[in-house]
Amino acid sequence: MTGYGRSDFSIGAEVFSIEVKSLNHRFIDVHYRGPERFFAFENRIREEVKKTFARGSFSLHITATSAEVPPLKLNLDMARLYIEAAEGLKKELGVKGEADIATLLRLKDIFTFEKKGALGEADWEALKAALYAAFDQLADWRLKEGANLREDLLKKLGTLDGILFDVEAHAPKTLEAYRQKLKEEMERLIGGKIDDSRILLEAAIFAERTDINEETARLKSHLDMFRKFLKFDEPIGKKLDFLCQEIGREINTIGSKANDTKITGYVIDMKGEIEKIREQVQNVE
């Protein structure tokens, strides 16, 4: 699910901001970007994300928000080397000109910013507290989206229920239609009345081959289980993904067994709905 959270924390006089964004993803994936000083904490940050969330693609950024500028250090030895090199060019090649202060200021090697000291456990605790404050905001965002998503899934399940009801209502008619068509065709070929027992035998074979009662019963069970999972207060995305596969399997079996164009149309409609559900389930944690 999508979401966003933000929080600030301080290390000494410096202030930093943590931003966490999440997008839909079948698994859990964490992308981190932050100042070099926090490199030692990168793996710990990733682990905190994975402990808190079950699915999603997460982007986590740490940026400095304070205006503090680190001390500038002058490298005099490097400056002397540049001046000596300039003098060498004048002497050996006859190059004219002087290496003045403006020239030296353009040489980046002469100036360096002093590096900050190593971060300790107290700094990690400050970062971790801000991390979970951002997680809380992100979780609230995802919770609201989840409520809307659940309503949409329930609506689609209701559509599947309606189509399945039509399948069950029409299925008995296919046997009678087959029996009547078979009788008419055999009478046409033989040129007279035929033994009803032969018709009944053929109809029984057809009924056994095209019986979808087991499939519709399992399909109902899967839909009921889907609804139960939607009531859970725990990660259910992978379970729903598995149920979608099982529902799709039963629908395919109904389509392969049903020797009827109308039921085939219902199967196509059910496949369309389960595909929509499957796409939405990818957004569920």
Protein backbone atom coordinates (compact mmCIF):
# COMPACT_ATOMS: atom_id res chain seq x y z
CA MET A 1 0.00 0.00 0.00
CA THR A 2 1.05 3.57 -0.48
CA GLY A 3 1.90 5.77 2.47
CA TYR A 4 4.10 8.59 3.75
CA GLY A 5 5.67 9.49 7.09
CA ARG A 6 8.13 12.12 8.29
CA SER A 7 9.97 12.93 11.51
CA ASP A 8 12.98 14.96 12.75
CA PHE A 9 15.82 14.13 15.15
CA SER A 10 18.95 15.84 16.44
CA ILE A 11 22.56 14.79 16.89
CA GLY A 12 24.37 17.47 18.83
CA ALA A 13 23.57 20.80 17.20
CA GLU A 14 22.60 19.17 13.89
CA VAL A 15 19.00 18.50 12.92
CA PHE A 16 18.00 15.74 10.46
CA SER A 17 14.76 14.74 8.77
CA ILE A 18 13.59 11.20 8.02
CA GLU A 19 11.07 10.64 5.21
CA VAL A 20 9.55 7.22 4.52
CA LYS A 21 7.42 6.49 1.46
CA SER A 22 5.82 3.17 0.54
CA LEU A 23 4.43 1.85 -2.73
CA ASN A 24 2.70 -1.39 -3.66
CA HIS A 25 4.92 -4.45 -3.97
CA ARG A 26 4.36 -8.22 -3.72
CA PHE A 27 7.28 -8.58 -1.30
CA ILE A 28 9.24 -6.15 0.88
CA ASP A 29 11.90 -3.97 -0.70
CA VAL A 30 13.80 -1.14 1.02
CA HIS A 31 15.70 1.68 -0.72
CA TYR A 32 17.81 3.87 1.57
CA ARG A 33 19.59 7.16 0.93
CA GLY A 34 21.29 9.31 3.53
CA PRO A 35 24.46 11.16 4.58
CA GLU A 36 27.70 9.19 4.65
CA ARG A 37 27.82 9.58 8.44
CA PHE A 38 24.88 7.17 8.79
CA PHE A 39 26.44 4.41 6.68
CA ALA A 40 27.04 2.27 9.77
CA PHE A 41 23.30 2.38 10.55
CA GLU A 42 22.04 1.45 7.08
CA ASN A 43 21.54 -2.27 7.71
CA ARG A 44 19.89 -1.59 11.07
CA ILE A 45 17.49 0.86 9.40
CA ARG A 46 16.55 -1.76 6.79
CA GLU A 47 15.93 -4.35 9.51
CA GLU A 48 13.61 -1.98 11.41
CA VAL A 49 11.53 -1.51 8.25
CA LYS A 50 11.29 -5.28 7.72
CA LYS A 51 10.33 -5.86 11.36
CA THR A 52 7.52 -3.31 11.14
CA PHE A 53 6.00 -4.01 7.71
CA ALA A 54 5.35 -7.22 5.77
CA ARG A 55 4.98 -5.98 2.17
CA GLY A 56 5.72 -2.91 0.11
CA SER A 57 8.47 -1.00 -1.66
CA PHE A 58 9.91 1.51 0.81
CA SER A 59 12.02 4.60 0.06
CA LEU A 60 13.72 6.02 3.16
CA HIS A 61 15.68 9.28 3.00
CA ILE A 62 17.65 11.04 5.72
CA THR A 63 18.58 14.66 5.04
CA ALA A 64 20.24 17.38 7.12
CA THR A 65 17.88 20.29 7.80
CA SER A 66 20.05 22.44 10.10
CA ALA A 67 22.19 25.32 8.80
CA GLU A 68 25.31 24.28 10.68
CA VAL A 69 28.42 24.37 8.47
CA PRO A 70 31.35 22.11 9.37
CA PRO A 71 34.71 23.82 9.99
CA LEU A 72 36.84 24.49 6.93
CA LYS A 73 40.40 23.20 7.08
CA LEU A 74 43.24 24.73 5.06
CA ASN A 75 45.82 22.36 3.55
CA LEU A 76 48.92 24.57 3.51
CA ASP A 77 51.23 21.81 2.29
CA MET A 78 49.08 21.33 -0.81
CA ALA A 79 49.01 25.10 -1.42
CA ARG A 80 52.82 25.24 -1.29
CA LEU A 81 53.02 22.42 -3.83
CA TYR A 82 50.78 24.35 -6.24
CA ILE A 83 52.88 27.52 -5.83
CA GLU A 84 56.11 25.59 -6.36
CA ALA A 85 54.63 23.96 -9.46
CA ALA A 86 53.65 27.37 -10.80
CA GLU A 87 57.16 28.68 -10.22
CA GLY A 88 58.54 25.62 -12.02
CA LEU A 89 56.37 26.33 -15.05
CA LYS A 90 57.63 29.92 -15.15
CA LYS A 91 61.25 28.86 -14.85
CA GLU A 92 61.31 25.84 -17.14
CA LEU A 93 58.79 26.87 -19.80
CA GLY A 94 58.92 30.60 -19.57
CA VAL A 95 55.23 30.87 -18.69
CA LYS A 96 54.27 34.35 -17.52
CA GLY A 97 51.86 35.28 -14.71
CA GLU A 98 51.55 34.97 -10.95
CA ALA A 99 49.71 32.43 -8.75
CA ASP A 100 47.63 34.88 -6.68
CA ILE A 101 44.97 34.29 -4.03
CA ALA A 102 42.18 34.13 -6.64
CA THR A 103 43.99 31.27 -8.33
CA LEU A 104 44.48 29.37 -5.09
CA LEU A 105 40.82 29.77 -4.06
CA ARG A 106 39.78 27.88 -7.18
CA LEU A 107 41.85 24.84 -6.18
CA LYS A 108 39.57 22.48 -4.25
CA ASP A 109 42.42 20.33 -2.92
CA ILE A 110 43.60 23.18 -0.70
CA PHE A 111 40.35 23.32 1.34
CA THR A 112 38.60 20.45 3.13
CA PHE A 113 35.73 20.24 5.58
CA GLU A 114 36.54 18.55 8.85
CA LYS A 115 34.76 15.22 9.19
CA LYS A 116 32.33 14.69 12.01
CA GLY A 117 33.10 12.18 14.73
CA ALA A 118 31.78 8.62 14.64
CA LEU A 119 28.16 8.06 15.67
CA GLY A 120 27.39 6.02 18.77
CA GLU A 121 24.48 4.11 20.31
CA ALA A 122 22.90 7.28 21.70
CA ASP A 123 22.78 8.67 18.16
CA TRP A 124 21.20 5.43 16.92
CA GLU A 125 18.50 5.64 19.59
CA ALA A 126 17.65 9.20 18.50
CA LEU A 127 17.46 8.09 14.88
CA LYS A 128 15.43 5.00 15.77
CA ALA A 129 12.86 7.03 17.74
CA ALA A 130 12.37 9.35 14.75
CA LEU A 131 12.21 6.33 12.45
CA TYR A 132 9.28 4.86 14.36
CA ALA A 133 7.52 8.21 14.56
CA ALA A 134 7.64 8.28 10.75
CA PHE A 135 6.50 4.64 10.66
CA ASP A 136 3.44 5.54 12.76
CA GLN A 137 2.40 8.23 10.30
CA LEU A 138 2.95 5.90 7.38
CA ALA A 139 0.96 3.12 9.09
CA ASP A 140 -2.00 5.49 9.67
CA TRP A 141 -1.92 6.43 6.00
CA ARG A 142 -1.86 2.76 4.95
CA LEU A 143 -4.64 1.92 7.43
CA LYS A 144 -7.00 4.43 5.81
CA GLU A 145 -6.16 3.12 2.36
CA GLY A 146 -6.63 -0.43 3.62
CA ALA A 147 -10.19 0.32 4.76
CA ASN A 148 -11.09 1.58 1.29
CA LEU A 149 -9.37 -1.38 -0.29
CA ARG A 150 -11.32 -3.83 1.89
CA GLU A 151 -14.62 -2.28 0.82
CA ASP A 152 -13.64 -2.56 -2.83
CA LEU A 153 -12.63 -6.23 -2.42
CA LEU A 154 -15.90 -7.04 -0.64
CA LYS A 155 -17.82 -5.44 -3.49
CA LYS A 156 -15.95 -7.55 -6.04
CA LEU A 157 -16.55 -10.70 -3.97
CA GLY A 158 -20.25 -9.85 -4.03
CA THR A 159 -20.12 -9.67 -7.81
CA LEU A 160 -18.50 -13.12 -7.90
CA ASP A 161 -21.25 -14.45 -5.60
CA GLY A 162 -23.90 -13.18 -8.02
CA ILE A 163 -22.28 -14.78 -11.06
CA LEU A 164 -21.80 -18.08 -9.19
CA PHE A 165 -25.50 -18.03 -8.25
CA ASP A 166 -26.37 -17.71 -11.94
CA VAL A 167 -24.05 -20.63 -12.77
CA GLU A 168 -25.71 -22.88 -10.20
CA ALA A 169 -29.19 -21.85 -11.35
CA HIS A 170 -28.40 -22.59 -14.98
CA ALA A 171 -26.36 -25.79 -14.57
CA PRO A 172 -29.38 -28.20 -14.21
CA LYS A 173 -30.86 -26.83 -17.42
CA THR A 174 -27.80 -27.93 -19.38
CA LEU A 175 -28.51 -31.61 -18.62
CA GLU A 176 -32.14 -31.40 -19.77
CA ALA A 177 -31.09 -29.49 -22.89
CA TYR A 178 -28.47 -32.13 -23.66
CA ARG A 179 -30.96 -34.99 -23.12
CA GLN A 180 -33.52 -33.41 -25.43
CA LYS A 181 -30.94 -32.57 -28.11
CA LEU A 182 -29.50 -36.11 -27.94
CA LYS A 183 -32.96 -37.66 -28.26
CA GLU A 184 -33.85 -35.54 -31.27
CA GLU A 185 -30.53 -36.24 -32.98
CA MET A 186 -30.69 -40.00 -32.46
CA GLU A 187 -34.32 -40.16 -33.65
CA ARG A 188 -33.33 -38.21 -36.73
CA LEU A 189 -30.49 -40.60 -37.49
CA ILE A 190 -32.46 -43.80 -36.77
CA GLY A 191 -35.67 -42.51 -38.27
CA GLY A 192 -37.96 -43.40 -35.43
CA LYS A 193 -38.47 -43.73 -31.71
CA ILE A 194 -35.54 -44.93 -29.61
CA ASP A 195 -35.28 -46.63 -26.25
CA ASP A 196 -35.50 -44.06 -23.42
CA SER A 197 -33.08 -46.15 -21.34
CA ARG A 198 -30.34 -45.44 -23.89
CA ILE A 199 -31.05 -41.74 -23.65
CA LEU A 200 -30.96 -41.91 -19.84
CA LEU A 201 -27.63 -43.73 -19.92
CA GLU A 202 -26.04 -41.17 -22.21
CA ALA A 203 -27.49 -38.35 -20.12
CA ALA A 204 -26.07 -39.91 -16.96
CA ILE A 205 -22.62 -40.09 -18.52
CA PHE A 206 -22.91 -36.48 -19.62
CA ALA A 207 -24.10 -35.42 -16.16
CA GLU A 208 -21.16 -37.11 -14.48
CA ARG A 209 -18.67 -35.60 -16.89
CA THR A 210 -20.05 -32.07 -16.58
CA ASP A 211 -20.97 -32.05 -12.87
CA ILE A 212 -19.59 -28.87 -11.25
CA ASN A 213 -21.12 -29.22 -7.78
CA GLU A 214 -17.76 -29.91 -6.14
CA GLU A 215 -16.14 -26.96 -7.85
CA THR A 216 -18.93 -24.54 -6.92
CA ALA A 217 -18.85 -25.79 -3.31
CA ARG A 218 -15.09 -25.25 -3.05
CA LEU A 219 -15.43 -21.88 -4.74
CA LYS A 220 -17.99 -20.78 -2.14
CA SER A 221 -15.68 -21.98 0.62
CA HIS A 222 -12.77 -19.98 -0.82
CA LEU A 223 -14.90 -16.84 -1.05
CA ASP A 224 -16.03 -17.25 2.58
CA MET A 225 -12.41 -17.72 3.67
CA PHE A 226 -11.43 -14.61 1.73
CA ARG A 227 -13.99 -12.59 3.69
CA LYS A 228 -12.74 -13.99 6.99
CA PHE A 229 -9.16 -12.99 6.15
CA LEU A 230 -10.32 -9.44 5.43
CA LYS A 231 -11.37 -9.17 9.09
CA PHE A 232 -7.92 -10.08 10.44
CA ASP A 233 -5.66 -7.44 12.04
CA GLU A 234 -2.49 -9.03 10.71
CA PRO A 235 -0.66 -9.25 7.37
CA ILE A 236 -2.88 -11.26 5.01
CA GLY A 237 -1.62 -10.28 1.55
CA LYS A 238 0.17 -13.57 0.84
CA LYS A 239 -2.80 -15.61 2.08
CA LEU A 240 -5.17 -13.68 -0.16
CA ASP A 241 -2.78 -14.11 -3.06
CA PHE A 242 -2.87 -17.89 -2.54
CA LEU A 243 -6.68 -17.86 -2.29
CA CYS A 244 -6.89 -15.98 -5.59
CA GLN A 245 -4.93 -18.79 -7.23
CA GLU A 246 -7.29 -21.41 -5.77
CA ILE A 247 -10.38 -19.45 -6.82
CA GLY A 248 -8.96 -19.09 -10.33
CA ARG A 249 -8.30 -22.84 -10.47
CA GLU A 250 -11.93 -23.69 -9.57
CA ILE A 251 -13.26 -21.21 -12.11
CA ASN A 252 -11.07 -22.74 -14.82
CA THR A 253 -12.30 -26.23 -13.94
CA ILE A 254 -15.92 -25.10 -14.14
CA GLY A 255 -15.18 -23.66 -17.57
CA SER A 256 -13.55 -26.86 -18.82
CA LYS A 257 -16.33 -29.14 -17.52
CA ALA A 258 -19.38 -27.10 -18.44
CA ASN A 259 -20.52 -27.95 -21.96
CA ASP A 260 -22.70 -24.87 -22.28
CA THR A 261 -22.17 -21.51 -23.94
CA LYS A 262 -24.06 -19.58 -21.25
CA ILE A 263 -21.95 -21.03 -18.45
CA THR A 264 -18.87 -20.28 -20.54
CA GLY A 265 -19.97 -16.65 -20.57
CA TYR A 266 -20.37 -16.70 -16.78
CA VAL A 267 -16.89 -18.22 -16.44
CA ILE A 268 -15.41 -15.41 -18.54
CA ASP A 269 -17.11 -12.86 -16.27
CA MET A 270 -15.78 -14.62 -13.14
CA LYS A 271 -12.27 -14.68 -14.58
CA GLY A 272 -12.48 -10.94 -15.15
CA GLU A 273 -13.54 -10.32 -11.55
CA ILE A 274 -10.88 -12.56 -9.99
CA GLU A 275 -8.23 -10.85 -12.07
CA LYS A 276 -9.37 -7.48 -10.69
CA ILE A 277 -9.26 -8.94 -7.18
CA ARG A 278 -5.79 -10.37 -7.76
CA GLU A 279 -4.50 -6.96 -8.85
CA GLN A 280 -5.93 -5.34 -5.72
CA VAL A 281 -4.53 -8.05 -3.46
CA GLN A 282 -1.03 -7.00 -4.53
CA ASN A 283 -1.74 -3.80 -2.58
CA VAL A 284 -2.60 -5.64 0.64
CA GLU A 285 0.07 -6.12 3.29
